[in-house]
Amino acid sequence: MADNLRSATPPPAVPVLSVDTLALTLPAGFERRAARIGRLTAEALAASPPTARSAGIAQLRLTPQVVQAHWSDRRIAVQLAQAIRQRIDGGL
């Protein structure tokens, strides 16, 4: 009977990444690609493992990221998501 009882202690909370606004400044010539890159960046962040810590961050700025016009939108988005996660997990 004791096997059916659930522990009274809740599992530890997993930090969650929540982004209210994502603003990207991309090089000239990326205007038609910007919305898709933003969407793919959000998807890459959502698919990444939970953040290493909990924090409220009003604004986060990245160092300029090098991107090439011939790169796919997904490649650019993954790079941006990785840079964002490194800043968050690295302690800003």
C-alpha atoms as a PDB file:
ATOM      1  CA  MET A   1       0.000   0.000   0.000  1.00  0.00           C
ATOM      2  CA  ALA A   2       2.860   2.378   0.742  1.00  0.00           C
ATOM      3  CA  ASP A   3       4.064   1.887  -2.827  1.00  0.00           C
ATOM      4  CA  ASN A   4       1.018   3.771  -4.105  1.00  0.00           C
ATOM      5  CA  LEU A   5       1.692   6.891  -2.027  1.00  0.00           C
ATOM      6  CA  ARG A   6       3.259   9.859  -3.719  1.00  0.00           C
ATOM      7  CA  SER A   7       6.040  11.774  -2.063  1.00  0.00           C
ATOM      8  CA  ALA A   8       4.880  14.889  -0.233  1.00  0.00           C
ATOM      9  CA  THR A   9       7.959  16.730  -1.496  1.00  0.00           C
ATOM     10  CA  PRO A  10       7.428  18.270  -4.930  1.00  0.00           C
ATOM     11  CA  PRO A  11      10.150  17.740  -7.514  1.00  0.00           C
ATOM     12  CA  PRO A  12      12.668  20.567  -7.809  1.00  0.00           C
ATOM     13  CA  ALA A  13      11.574  23.368 -10.096  1.00  0.00           C
ATOM     14  CA  VAL A  14      13.248  23.431 -13.493  1.00  0.00           C
ATOM     15  CA  PRO A  15      14.276  26.934 -14.587  1.00  0.00           C
ATOM     16  CA  VAL A  16      12.270  28.045 -17.600  1.00  0.00           C
ATOM     17  CA  LEU A  17      13.298  30.481 -20.290  1.00  0.00           C
ATOM     18  CA  SER A  18      10.561  32.936 -21.171  1.00  0.00           C
ATOM     19  CA  VAL A  19      11.138  35.630 -23.800  1.00  0.00           C
ATOM     20  CA  ASP A  20       8.637  38.475 -23.995  1.00  0.00           C
ATOM     21  CA  THR A  21      10.247  40.351 -26.871  1.00  0.00           C
ATOM     22  CA  LEU A  22      12.991  39.365 -29.281  1.00  0.00           C
ATOM     23  CA  ALA A  23      14.477  42.241 -31.271  1.00  0.00           C
ATOM     24  CA  LEU A  24      17.086  41.486 -33.897  1.00  0.00           C
ATOM     25  CA  THR A  25      19.271  43.893 -35.805  1.00  0.00           C
ATOM     26  CA  LEU A  26      20.402  42.154 -38.962  1.00  0.00           C
ATOM     27  CA  PRO A  27      22.688  43.371 -41.745  1.00  0.00           C
ATOM     28  CA  ALA A  28      21.291  45.115 -44.795  1.00  0.00           C
ATOM     29  CA  GLY A  29      19.772  42.665 -47.229  1.00  0.00           C
ATOM     30  CA  PHE A  30      18.160  40.503 -44.524  1.00  0.00           C
ATOM     31  CA  GLU A  31      14.876  42.445 -44.400  1.00  0.00           C
ATOM     32  CA  ARG A  32      12.782  39.716 -46.023  1.00  0.00           C
ATOM     33  CA  ARG A  33      14.405  37.028 -43.877  1.00  0.00           C
ATOM     34  CA  ALA A  34      14.158  38.764 -40.485  1.00  0.00           C
ATOM     35  CA  ALA A  35      10.730  37.470 -39.401  1.00  0.00           C
ATOM     36  CA  ARG A  36      11.648  33.862 -40.210  1.00  0.00           C
ATOM     37  CA  ILE A  37      15.024  34.151 -38.488  1.00  0.00           C
ATOM     38  CA  GLY A  38      13.287  35.557 -35.407  1.00  0.00           C
ATOM     39  CA  ARG A  39      10.746  32.714 -35.413  1.00  0.00           C
ATOM     40  CA  LEU A  40      13.460  30.086 -35.863  1.00  0.00           C
ATOM     41  CA  THR A  41      15.532  31.648 -33.074  1.00  0.00           C
ATOM     42  CA  ALA A  42      12.558  31.381 -30.722  1.00  0.00           C
ATOM     43  CA  GLU A  43      12.027  27.751 -31.781  1.00  0.00           C
ATOM     44  CA  ALA A  44      15.707  26.941 -31.190  1.00  0.00           C
ATOM     45  CA  LEU A  45      15.533  28.496 -27.729  1.00  0.00           C
ATOM     46  CA  ALA A  46      12.370  26.532 -26.929  1.00  0.00           C
ATOM     47  CA  ALA A  47      14.000  23.270 -28.037  1.00  0.00           C
ATOM     48  CA  SER A  48      17.140  23.809 -25.969  1.00  0.00           C
ATOM     49  CA  PRO A  49      17.596  22.259 -22.517  1.00  0.00           C
ATOM     50  CA  PRO A  50      16.319  24.150 -19.464  1.00  0.00           C
ATOM     51  CA  THR A  51      18.404  27.124 -18.412  1.00  0.00           C
ATOM     52  CA  ALA A  52      21.059  26.523 -15.774  1.00  0.00           C
ATOM     53  CA  ARG A  53      19.616  29.168 -13.476  1.00  0.00           C
ATOM     54  CA  SER A  54      16.536  31.207 -12.748  1.00  0.00           C
ATOM     55  CA  ALA A  55      16.753  34.935 -13.339  1.00  0.00           C
ATOM     56  CA  GLY A  56      14.656  37.875 -14.388  1.00  0.00           C
ATOM     57  CA  ILE A  57      16.442  39.739 -17.153  1.00  0.00           C
ATOM     58  CA  ALA A  58      14.960  43.007 -18.354  1.00  0.00           C
ATOM     59  CA  GLN A  59      17.234  43.254 -21.380  1.00  0.00           C
ATOM     60  CA  LEU A  60      20.009  41.140 -22.836  1.00  0.00           C
ATOM     61  CA  ARG A  61      22.405  42.357 -25.495  1.00  0.00           C
ATOM     62  CA  LEU A  62      24.738  40.131 -27.443  1.00  0.00           C
ATOM     63  CA  THR A  63      28.081  40.988 -28.900  1.00  0.00           C
ATOM     64  CA  PRO A  64      27.707  41.346 -32.676  1.00  0.00           C
ATOM     65  CA  GLN A  65      27.362  37.951 -34.305  1.00  0.00           C
ATOM     66  CA  VAL A  66      29.004  37.246 -37.638  1.00  0.00           C
ATOM     67  CA  VAL A  67      26.521  35.915 -40.199  1.00  0.00           C
ATOM     68  CA  GLN A  68      26.869  35.336 -43.897  1.00  0.00           C
ATOM     69  CA  ALA A  69      24.197  36.033 -46.511  1.00  0.00           C
ATOM     70  CA  HIS A  70      24.563  32.508 -47.946  1.00  0.00           C
ATOM     71  CA  TRP A  71      23.830  30.861 -44.568  1.00  0.00           C
ATOM     72  CA  SER A  72      20.394  29.358 -44.107  1.00  0.00           C
ATOM     73  CA  ASP A  73      17.910  31.130 -41.850  1.00  0.00           C
ATOM     74  CA  ARG A  74      18.047  28.116 -39.527  1.00  0.00           C
ATOM     75  CA  ARG A  75      21.846  28.265 -39.239  1.00  0.00           C
ATOM     76  CA  ILE A  76      21.668  31.948 -38.311  1.00  0.00           C
ATOM     77  CA  ALA A  77      18.860  31.301 -35.817  1.00  0.00           C
ATOM     78  CA  VAL A  78      20.735  28.453 -34.126  1.00  0.00           C
ATOM     79  CA  GLN A  79      23.814  30.643 -33.793  1.00  0.00           C
ATOM     80  CA  LEU A  80      21.727  33.430 -32.244  1.00  0.00           C
ATOM     81  CA  ALA A  81      19.978  31.017 -29.857  1.00  0.00           C
ATOM     82  CA  GLN A  82      23.311  29.552 -28.766  1.00  0.00           C
ATOM     83  CA  ALA A  83      24.711  33.022 -28.119  1.00  0.00           C
ATOM     84  CA  ILE A  84      21.635  33.943 -26.068  1.00  0.00           C
ATOM     85  CA  ARG A  85      21.873  30.747 -24.001  1.00  0.00           C
ATOM     86  CA  GLN A  86      25.589  31.274 -23.384  1.00  0.00           C
ATOM     87  CA  ARG A  87      24.898  34.753 -22.038  1.00  0.00           C
ATOM     88  CA  ILE A  88      22.120  33.489 -19.768  1.00  0.00           C
ATOM     89  CA  ASP A  89      23.892  30.369 -18.544  1.00  0.00           C
ATOM     90  CA  GLY A  90      27.210  32.169 -18.254  1.00  0.00           C
ATOM     91  CA  GLY A  91      25.787  34.709 -15.858  1.00  0.00           C
ATOM     92  CA  LEU A  92      25.482  37.692 -18.182  1.00  0.00           C
END
